[in-house]
PDB file of N, CA and C in Angstrom:
ATOM      1  N   MET A   1     -39.098  42.095   9.247  1.00  0.00           N
ATOM      2  CA  MET A   1     -37.744  42.479   8.927  1.00  0.00           C
ATOM      3  C   MET A   1     -37.368  43.646   9.828  1.00  0.00           C
ATOM      4  N   ARG A   2     -36.114  43.935   9.858  1.00  0.00           N
ATOM      5  CA  ARG A   2     -35.627  45.086  10.618  1.00  0.00           C
ATOM      6  C   ARG A   2     -34.301  45.537  10.021  1.00  0.00           C
ATOM      7  N   TYR A   3     -33.945  46.773  10.351  1.00  0.00           N
ATOM      8  CA  TYR A   3     -32.614  47.224   9.998  1.00  0.00           C
ATOM      9  C   TYR A   3     -31.634  46.587  10.976  1.00  0.00           C
ATOM     10  N   ARG A   4     -30.505  46.147  10.487  1.00  0.00           N
ATOM     11  CA  ARG A   4     -29.524  45.453  11.313  1.00  0.00           C
ATOM     12  C   ARG A   4     -29.187  46.270  12.552  1.00  0.00           C
ATOM     13  N   ARG A   5     -29.048  45.583  13.673  1.00  0.00           N
ATOM     14  CA  ARG A   5     -28.712  46.147  14.983  1.00  0.00           C
ATOM     15  C   ARG A   5     -29.872  46.871  15.658  1.00  0.00           C
ATOM     16  N   GLN A   6     -31.064  46.839  15.052  1.00  0.00           N
ATOM     17  CA  GLN A   6     -32.229  47.379  15.735  1.00  0.00           C
ATOM     18  C   GLN A   6     -32.901  46.264  16.519  1.00  0.00           C
ATOM     19  N   VAL A   7     -33.552  46.623  17.598  1.00  0.00           N
ATOM     20  CA  VAL A   7     -34.214  45.630  18.439  1.00  0.00           C
ATOM     21  C   VAL A   7     -35.582  45.272  17.886  1.00  0.00           C
ATOM     22  N   ASN A   8     -36.362  46.265  17.526  1.00  0.00           N
ATOM     23  CA  ASN A   8     -37.718  46.037  17.037  1.00  0.00           C
ATOM     24  C   ASN A   8     -37.720  45.726  15.550  1.00  0.00           C
ATOM     25  N   TYR A   9     -38.743  44.995  15.134  1.00  0.00           N
ATOM     26  CA  TYR A   9     -38.865  44.715  13.710  1.00  0.00           C
ATOM     27  C   TYR A   9     -40.228  45.168  13.214  1.00  0.00           C
ATOM     28  N   HIS A  10     -40.348  45.295  11.909  1.00  0.00           N
ATOM     29  CA  HIS A  10     -41.556  45.807  11.264  1.00  0.00           C
ATOM     30  C   HIS A  10     -42.040  44.759  10.268  1.00  0.00           C
ATOM     31  N   SER A  11     -43.326  44.434  10.324  1.00  0.00           N
ATOM     32  CA  SER A  11     -43.895  43.390   9.460  1.00  0.00           C
ATOM     33  C   SER A  11     -44.737  43.988   8.342  1.00  0.00           C
ATOM     34  N   ILE A  12     -44.757  43.288   7.216  1.00  0.00           N
ATOM     35  CA  ILE A  12     -45.648  43.638   6.112  1.00  0.00           C
ATOM     36  C   ILE A  12     -46.297  42.358   5.601  1.00  0.00           C
ATOM     37  N   GLY A  13     -47.425  42.503   4.952  1.00  0.00           N
ATOM     38  CA  GLY A  13     -48.082  41.371   4.312  1.00  0.00           C
ATOM     39  C   GLY A  13     -47.571  41.198   2.890  1.00  0.00           C
ATOM     40  N   LEU A  14     -47.522  39.962   2.442  1.00  0.00           N
ATOM     41  CA  LEU A  14     -47.051  39.672   1.085  1.00  0.00           C
ATOM     42  C   LEU A  14     -48.095  38.884   0.324  1.00  0.00           C
ATOM     43  N   GLU A  15     -48.025  38.981  -0.978  1.00  0.00           N
ATOM     44  CA  GLU A  15     -48.877  38.188  -1.850  1.00  0.00           C
ATOM     45  C   GLU A  15     -48.499  36.711  -1.716  1.00  0.00           C
ATOM     46  N   GLY A  16     -49.492  35.843  -1.714  1.00  0.00           N
ATOM     47  CA  GLY A  16     -49.233  34.409  -1.596  1.00  0.00           C
ATOM     48  C   GLY A  16     -48.720  33.822  -2.897  1.00  0.00           C
ATOM     49  N   LYS A  17     -47.417  33.781  -3.068  1.00  0.00           N
ATOM     50  CA  LYS A  17     -46.791  33.224  -4.273  1.00  0.00           C
ATOM     51  C   LYS A  17     -45.349  32.868  -3.965  1.00  0.00           C
ATOM     52  N   GLU A  18     -44.681  32.244  -4.902  1.00  0.00           N
ATOM     53  CA  GLU A  18     -43.253  31.947  -4.743  1.00  0.00           C
ATOM     54  C   GLU A  18     -42.438  33.149  -5.206  1.00  0.00           C
ATOM     55  N   TYR A  19     -41.429  33.477  -4.419  1.00  0.00           N
ATOM     56  CA  TYR A  19     -40.514  34.573  -4.768  1.00  0.00           C
ATOM     57  C   TYR A  19     -39.187  33.927  -5.160  1.00  0.00           C
ATOM     58  N   ARG A  20     -38.959  33.782  -6.447  1.00  0.00           N
ATOM     59  CA  ARG A  20     -37.812  33.005  -6.923  1.00  0.00           C
ATOM     60  C   ARG A  20     -36.624  33.853  -7.357  1.00  0.00           C
ATOM     61  N   SER A  21     -36.877  34.982  -7.944  1.00  0.00           N
ATOM     62  CA  SER A  21     -35.770  35.754  -8.520  1.00  0.00           C
ATOM     63  C   SER A  21     -35.291  36.838  -7.557  1.00  0.00           C
ATOM     64  N   ASP A  22     -34.081  37.287  -7.814  1.00  0.00           N
ATOM     65  CA  ASP A  22     -33.530  38.390  -7.030  1.00  0.00           C
ATOM     66  C   ASP A  22     -34.375  39.651  -7.188  1.00  0.00           C
ATOM     67  N   ILE A  23     -34.959  39.834  -8.361  1.00  0.00           N
ATOM     68  CA  ILE A  23     -35.797  41.007  -8.625  1.00  0.00           C
ATOM     69  C   ILE A  23     -37.052  40.960  -7.760  1.00  0.00           C
ATOM     70  N   GLU A  24     -37.662  39.771  -7.621  1.00  0.00           N
ATOM     71  CA  GLU A  24     -38.858  39.643  -6.784  1.00  0.00           C
ATOM     72  C   GLU A  24     -38.531  39.880  -5.310  1.00  0.00           C
ATOM     73  N   VAL A  25     -37.408  39.368  -4.857  1.00  0.00           N
ATOM     74  CA  VAL A  25     -36.987  39.574  -3.464  1.00  0.00           C
ATOM     75  C   VAL A  25     -36.677  41.047  -3.227  1.00  0.00           C
ATOM     76  N   ALA A  26     -36.023  41.689  -4.181  1.00  0.00           N
ATOM     77  CA  ALA A  26     -35.735  43.120  -4.064  1.00  0.00           C
ATOM     78  C   ALA A  26     -37.038  43.922  -4.007  1.00  0.00           C
ATOM     79  N   GLY A  27     -38.055  43.470  -4.727  1.00  0.00           N
ATOM     80  CA  GLY A  27     -39.365  44.122  -4.676  1.00  0.00           C
ATOM     81  C   GLY A  27     -39.988  44.029  -3.289  1.00  0.00           C
ATOM     82  N   VAL A  28     -39.800  42.881  -2.624  1.00  0.00           N
ATOM     83  CA  VAL A  28     -40.289  42.713  -1.255  1.00  0.00           C
ATOM     84  C   VAL A  28     -39.575  43.688  -0.328  1.00  0.00           C
ATOM     85  N   VAL A  29     -38.269  43.788  -0.468  1.00  0.00           N
ATOM     86  CA  VAL A  29     -37.483  44.703   0.365  1.00  0.00           C
ATOM     87  C   VAL A  29     -37.913  46.148   0.113  1.00  0.00           C
ATOM     88  N   ASP A  30     -38.115  46.520  -1.146  1.00  0.00           N
ATOM     89  CA  ASP A  30     -38.566  47.875  -1.468  1.00  0.00           C
ATOM     90  C   ASP A  30     -39.930  48.163  -0.840  1.00  0.00           C
ATOM     91  N   SER A  31     -40.838  47.193  -0.899  1.00  0.00           N
ATOM     92  CA  SER A  31     -42.159  47.360  -0.276  1.00  0.00           C
ATOM     93  C   SER A  31     -42.025  47.557   1.222  1.00  0.00           C
ATOM     94  N   TRP A  32     -41.125  46.790   1.832  1.00  0.00           N
ATOM     95  CA  TRP A  32     -40.903  46.903   3.269  1.00  0.00           C
ATOM     96  C   TRP A  32     -40.366  48.295   3.630  1.00  0.00           C
ATOM     97  N   ILE A  33     -39.399  48.781   2.859  1.00  0.00           N
ATOM     98  CA  ILE A  33     -38.814  50.103   3.116  1.00  0.00           C
ATOM     99  C   ILE A  33     -39.881  51.194   2.991  1.00  0.00           C
ATOM    100  N   ARG A  34     -40.700  51.120   1.933  1.00  0.00           N
ATOM    101  CA  ARG A  34     -41.762  52.118   1.748  1.00  0.00           C
ATOM    102  C   ARG A  34     -42.731  52.106   2.927  1.00  0.00           C
ATOM    103  N   ASP A  35     -43.117  50.916   3.377  1.00  0.00           N
ATOM    104  CA  ASP A  35     -44.053  50.829   4.502  1.00  0.00           C
ATOM    105  C   ASP A  35     -43.401  51.299   5.797  1.00  0.00           C
ATOM    106  N   PHE A  36     -42.144  50.958   5.999  1.00  0.00           N
ATOM    107  CA  PHE A  36     -41.406  51.407   7.189  1.00  0.00           C
ATOM    108  C   PHE A  36     -41.386  52.931   7.257  1.00  0.00           C
ATOM    109  N   GLU A  37     -41.068  53.563   6.130  1.00  0.00           N
ATOM    110  CA  GLU A  37     -41.006  55.023   6.093  1.00  0.00           C
ATOM    111  C   GLU A  37     -42.391  55.650   6.191  1.00  0.00           C
ATOM    112  N   ARG A  38     -43.410  54.963   5.720  1.00  0.00           N
ATOM    113  CA  ARG A  38     -44.774  55.466   5.856  1.00  0.00           C
ATOM    114  C   ARG A  38     -45.168  55.517   7.336  1.00  0.00           C
ATOM    115  N   ILE A  39     -44.766  54.493   8.097  1.00  0.00           N
ATOM    116  CA  ILE A  39     -45.121  54.416   9.514  1.00  0.00           C
ATOM    117  C   ILE A  39     -44.236  55.331  10.363  1.00  0.00           C
ATOM    118  N   TYR A  40     -42.927  55.276  10.166  1.00  0.00           N
ATOM    119  CA  TYR A  40     -41.989  55.937  11.075  1.00  0.00           C
ATOM    120  C   TYR A  40     -41.416  57.257  10.564  1.00  0.00           C
ATOM    121  N   GLY A  41     -41.639  57.556   9.298  1.00  0.00           N
ATOM    122  CA  GLY A  41     -41.139  58.809   8.741  1.00  0.00           C
ATOM    123  C   GLY A  41     -39.990  58.591   7.774  1.00  0.00           C
ATOM    124  N   LYS A  42     -39.960  59.387   6.736  1.00  0.00           N
ATOM    125  CA  LYS A  42     -38.931  59.242   5.702  1.00  0.00           C
ATOM    126  C   LYS A  42     -37.551  59.584   6.273  1.00  0.00           C
ATOM    127  N   GLY A  43     -36.586  58.701   6.021  1.00  0.00           N
ATOM    128  CA  GLY A  43     -35.216  58.938   6.414  1.00  0.00           C
ATOM    129  C   GLY A  43     -34.891  58.630   7.867  1.00  0.00           C
ATOM    130  N   VAL A  44     -35.803  57.961   8.603  1.00  0.00           N
ATOM    131  CA  VAL A  44     -35.538  57.704  10.026  1.00  0.00           C
ATOM    132  C   VAL A  44     -34.620  56.501  10.260  1.00  0.00           C
ATOM    133  N   ALA A  45     -34.490  55.637   9.298  1.00  0.00           N
ATOM    134  CA  ALA A  45     -33.722  54.411   9.505  1.00  0.00           C
ATOM    135  C   ALA A  45     -32.293  54.542   8.990  1.00  0.00           C
ATOM    136  N   TYR A  46     -31.433  53.765   9.575  1.00  0.00           N
ATOM    137  CA  TYR A  46     -30.030  53.730   9.156  1.00  0.00           C
ATOM    138  C   TYR A  46     -29.887  52.665   8.068  1.00  0.00           C
ATOM    139  N   THR A  47     -30.110  53.057   6.839  1.00  0.00           N
ATOM    140  CA  THR A  47     -30.159  52.107   5.730  1.00  0.00           C
ATOM    141  C   THR A  47     -28.811  51.463   5.428  1.00  0.00           C
ATOM    142  N   LYS A  48     -27.710  52.115   5.785  1.00  0.00           N
ATOM    143  CA  LYS A  48     -26.390  51.546   5.522  1.00  0.00           C
ATOM    144  C   LYS A  48     -26.122  50.302   6.364  1.00  0.00           C
ATOM    145  N   ALA A  49     -26.905  50.112   7.425  1.00  0.00           N
ATOM    146  CA  ALA A  49     -26.727  48.941   8.292  1.00  0.00           C
ATOM    147  C   ALA A  49     -27.165  47.658   7.604  1.00  0.00           C
ATOM    148  N   GLY A  50     -28.050  47.760   6.633  1.00  0.00           N
ATOM    149  CA  GLY A  50     -28.575  46.578   5.966  1.00  0.00           C
ATOM    150  C   GLY A  50     -29.894  46.158   6.590  1.00  0.00           C
ATOM    151  N   ILE A  51     -30.529  45.175   5.983  1.00  0.00           N
ATOM    152  CA  ILE A  51     -31.837  44.701   6.432  1.00  0.00           C
ATOM    153  C   ILE A  51     -31.742  43.217   6.746  1.00  0.00           C
ATOM    154  N   GLU A  52     -32.372  42.814   7.849  1.00  0.00           N
ATOM    155  CA  GLU A  52     -32.401  41.402   8.251  1.00  0.00           C
ATOM    156  C   GLU A  52     -33.831  40.879   8.192  1.00  0.00           C
ATOM    157  N   LEU A  53     -33.981  39.674   7.681  1.00  0.00           N
ATOM    158  CA  LEU A  53     -35.255  38.974   7.767  1.00  0.00           C
ATOM    159  C   LEU A  53     -35.245  38.225   9.087  1.00  0.00           C
ATOM    160  N   VAL A  54     -36.090  38.646  10.029  1.00  0.00           N
ATOM    161  CA  VAL A  54     -36.081  38.100  11.379  1.00  0.00           C
ATOM    162  C   VAL A  54     -36.951  36.854  11.474  1.00  0.00           C
ATOM    163  N   SER A  55     -38.157  36.926  10.940  1.00  0.00           N
ATOM    164  CA  SER A  55     -39.060  35.771  11.013  1.00  0.00           C
ATOM    165  C   SER A  55     -40.118  35.880   9.927  1.00  0.00           C
ATOM    166  N   MET A  56     -40.798  34.764   9.694  1.00  0.00           N
ATOM    167  CA  MET A  56     -41.894  34.715   8.729  1.00  0.00           C
ATOM    168  C   MET A  56     -43.047  33.962   9.363  1.00  0.00           C
ATOM    169  N   ASP A  57     -44.244  34.491   9.197  1.00  0.00           N
ATOM    170  CA  ASP A  57     -45.457  33.801   9.603  1.00  0.00           C
ATOM    171  C   ASP A  57     -46.191  33.404   8.340  1.00  0.00           C
ATOM    172  N   ILE A  58     -46.661  32.175   8.309  1.00  0.00           N
ATOM    173  CA  ILE A  58     -47.347  31.688   7.128  1.00  0.00           C
ATOM    174  C   ILE A  58     -48.733  31.205   7.532  1.00  0.00           C
ATOM    175  N   ASP A  59     -49.754  31.741   6.877  1.00  0.00           N
ATOM    176  CA  ASP A  59     -51.117  31.262   7.037  1.00  0.00           C
ATOM    177  C   ASP A  59     -51.444  30.436   5.802  1.00  0.00           C
ATOM    178  N   ALA A  60     -51.983  29.249   6.010  1.00  0.00           N
ATOM    179  CA  ALA A  60     -52.279  28.374   4.886  1.00  0.00           C
ATOM    180  C   ALA A  60     -53.692  27.821   5.006  1.00  0.00           C
ATOM    181  N   ILE A  61     -54.318  27.605   3.866  1.00  0.00           N
ATOM    182  CA  ILE A  61     -55.630  26.985   3.800  1.00  0.00           C
ATOM    183  C   ILE A  61     -55.503  25.790   2.874  1.00  0.00           C
ATOM    184  N   GLY A  62     -56.013  24.668   3.303  1.00  0.00           N
ATOM    185  CA  GLY A  62     -55.937  23.482   2.458  1.00  0.00           C
ATOM    186  C   GLY A  62     -56.811  22.368   2.998  1.00  0.00           C
ATOM    187  N   LYS A  63     -56.946  21.329   2.228  1.00  0.00           N
ATOM    188  CA  LYS A  63     -57.734  20.170   2.633  1.00  0.00           C
ATOM    189  C   LYS A  63     -56.875  19.233   3.464  1.00  0.00           C
ATOM    190  N   MET A  64     -57.474  18.661   4.469  1.00  0.00           N
ATOM    191  CA  MET A  64     -56.779  17.658   5.267  1.00  0.00           C
ATOM    192  C   MET A  64     -57.802  16.658   5.784  1.00  0.00           C
ATOM    193  N   THR A  65     -57.333  15.482   6.106  1.00  0.00           N
ATOM    194  CA  THR A  65     -58.246  14.472   6.625  1.00  0.00           C
ATOM    195  C   THR A  65     -58.581  14.773   8.080  1.00  0.00           C
ATOM    196  N   ARG A  66     -59.818  14.479   8.441  1.00  0.00           N
ATOM    197  CA  ARG A  66     -60.275  14.720   9.806  1.00  0.00           C
ATOM    198  C   ARG A  66     -59.646  13.671  10.715  1.00  0.00           C
ATOM    199  N   PRO A  67     -59.043  14.076  11.815  1.00  0.00           N
ATOM    200  CA  PRO A  67     -58.414  13.099  12.704  1.00  0.00           C
ATOM    201  C   PRO A  67     -59.465  12.239  13.415  1.00  0.00           C
ATOM    202  N   VAL A  68     -59.087  10.987  13.658  1.00  0.00           N
ATOM    203  CA  VAL A  68     -59.964  10.075  14.381  1.00  0.00           C
ATOM    204  C   VAL A  68     -59.602  10.168  15.858  1.00  0.00           C
ATOM    205  N   LEU A  69     -60.584  10.472  16.678  1.00  0.00           N
ATOM    206  CA  LEU A  69     -60.346  10.593  18.110  1.00  0.00           C
ATOM    207  C   LEU A  69     -60.499   9.232  18.774  1.00  0.00           C
ATOM    208  N   ARG A  70     -59.558   8.883  19.594  1.00  0.00           N
ATOM    209  CA  ARG A  70     -59.627   7.627  20.331  1.00  0.00           C
ATOM    210  C   ARG A  70     -60.486   7.819  21.567  1.00  0.00           C
ATOM    211  N   SER A  71     -61.173   6.762  21.953  1.00  0.00           N
ATOM    212  CA  SER A  71     -61.915   6.830  23.209  1.00  0.00           C
ATOM    213  C   SER A  71     -61.214   5.939  24.224  1.00  0.00           C
ATOM    214  N   TYR A  72     -61.176   6.380  25.439  1.00  0.00           N
ATOM    215  CA  TYR A  72     -60.536   5.652  26.528  1.00  0.00           C
ATOM    216  C   TYR A  72     -61.571   5.428  27.625  1.00  0.00           C
ATOM    217  N   PRO A  73     -61.486   4.287  28.262  1.00  0.00           N
ATOM    218  CA  PRO A  73     -62.414   4.061  29.371  1.00  0.00           C
ATOM    219  C   PRO A  73     -62.109   5.041  30.505  1.00  0.00           C
ATOM    220  N   SER A  74     -63.175   5.559  31.103  1.00  0.00           N
ATOM    221  CA  SER A  74     -62.949   6.505  32.192  1.00  0.00           C
ATOM    222  C   SER A  74     -62.585   5.754  33.462  1.00  0.00           C
ATOM    223  N   LYS A  75     -61.743   6.351  34.241  1.00  0.00           N
ATOM    224  CA  LYS A  75     -61.343   5.777  35.522  1.00  0.00           C
ATOM    225  C   LYS A  75     -61.817   6.727  36.597  1.00  0.00           C
ATOM    226  N   GLU A  76     -62.549   6.192  37.548  1.00  0.00           N
ATOM    227  CA  GLU A  76     -63.007   7.037  38.635  1.00  0.00           C
ATOM    228  C   GLU A  76     -61.841   7.347  39.546  1.00  0.00           C
ATOM    229  N   ARG A  77     -61.695   8.588  39.847  1.00  0.00           N
ATOM    230  CA  ARG A  77     -60.612   8.996  40.740  1.00  0.00           C
ATOM    231  C   ARG A  77     -61.194   9.888  41.816  1.00  0.00           C
ATOM    232  N   MET A  78     -60.620   9.808  42.955  1.00  0.00           N
ATOM    233  CA  MET A  78     -61.019  10.669  44.049  1.00  0.00           C
ATOM    234  C   MET A  78     -60.366  12.029  43.842  1.00  0.00           C
ATOM    235  N   PRO A  79     -61.106  13.100  44.078  1.00  0.00           N
ATOM    236  CA  PRO A  79     -60.495  14.426  43.939  1.00  0.00           C
ATOM    237  C   PRO A  79     -59.419  14.632  45.012  1.00  0.00           C
ATOM    238  N   LEU A  80     -58.405  15.380  44.648  1.00  0.00           N
ATOM    239  CA  LEU A  80     -57.334  15.674  45.586  1.00  0.00           C
ATOM    240  C   LEU A  80     -57.830  16.677  46.624  1.00  0.00           C
ATOM    241  N   LYS A  81     -57.485  16.432  47.863  1.00  0.00           N
ATOM    242  CA  LYS A  81     -57.828  17.382  48.925  1.00  0.00           C
ATOM    243  C   LYS A  81     -56.596  18.208  49.231  1.00  0.00           C
ATOM    244  N   LEU A  82     -56.761  19.474  49.213  1.00  0.00           N
ATOM    245  CA  LEU A  82     -55.644  20.381  49.517  1.00  0.00           C
ATOM    246  C   LEU A  82     -55.687  20.871  50.927  1.00  0.00           C
TER     247      LEU A  82
END
């Protein structure tokens, strides 16, 4: 996330769960603000500009089927001469 009109953004880690209510989302924003001020100093940001969610990275663990690799007959090729 970042404060609106800023170039750089600041990331925080979140608990792996669904955030459904406005209260839960506001809690995420509050956590972000606290961490931002911990890193950059209290009162350094222009809070009246608002906050933008720029991107999200998701790490997931789960079961999946192992892909079957196809085999292809090899073709002999002459190496390219440069």
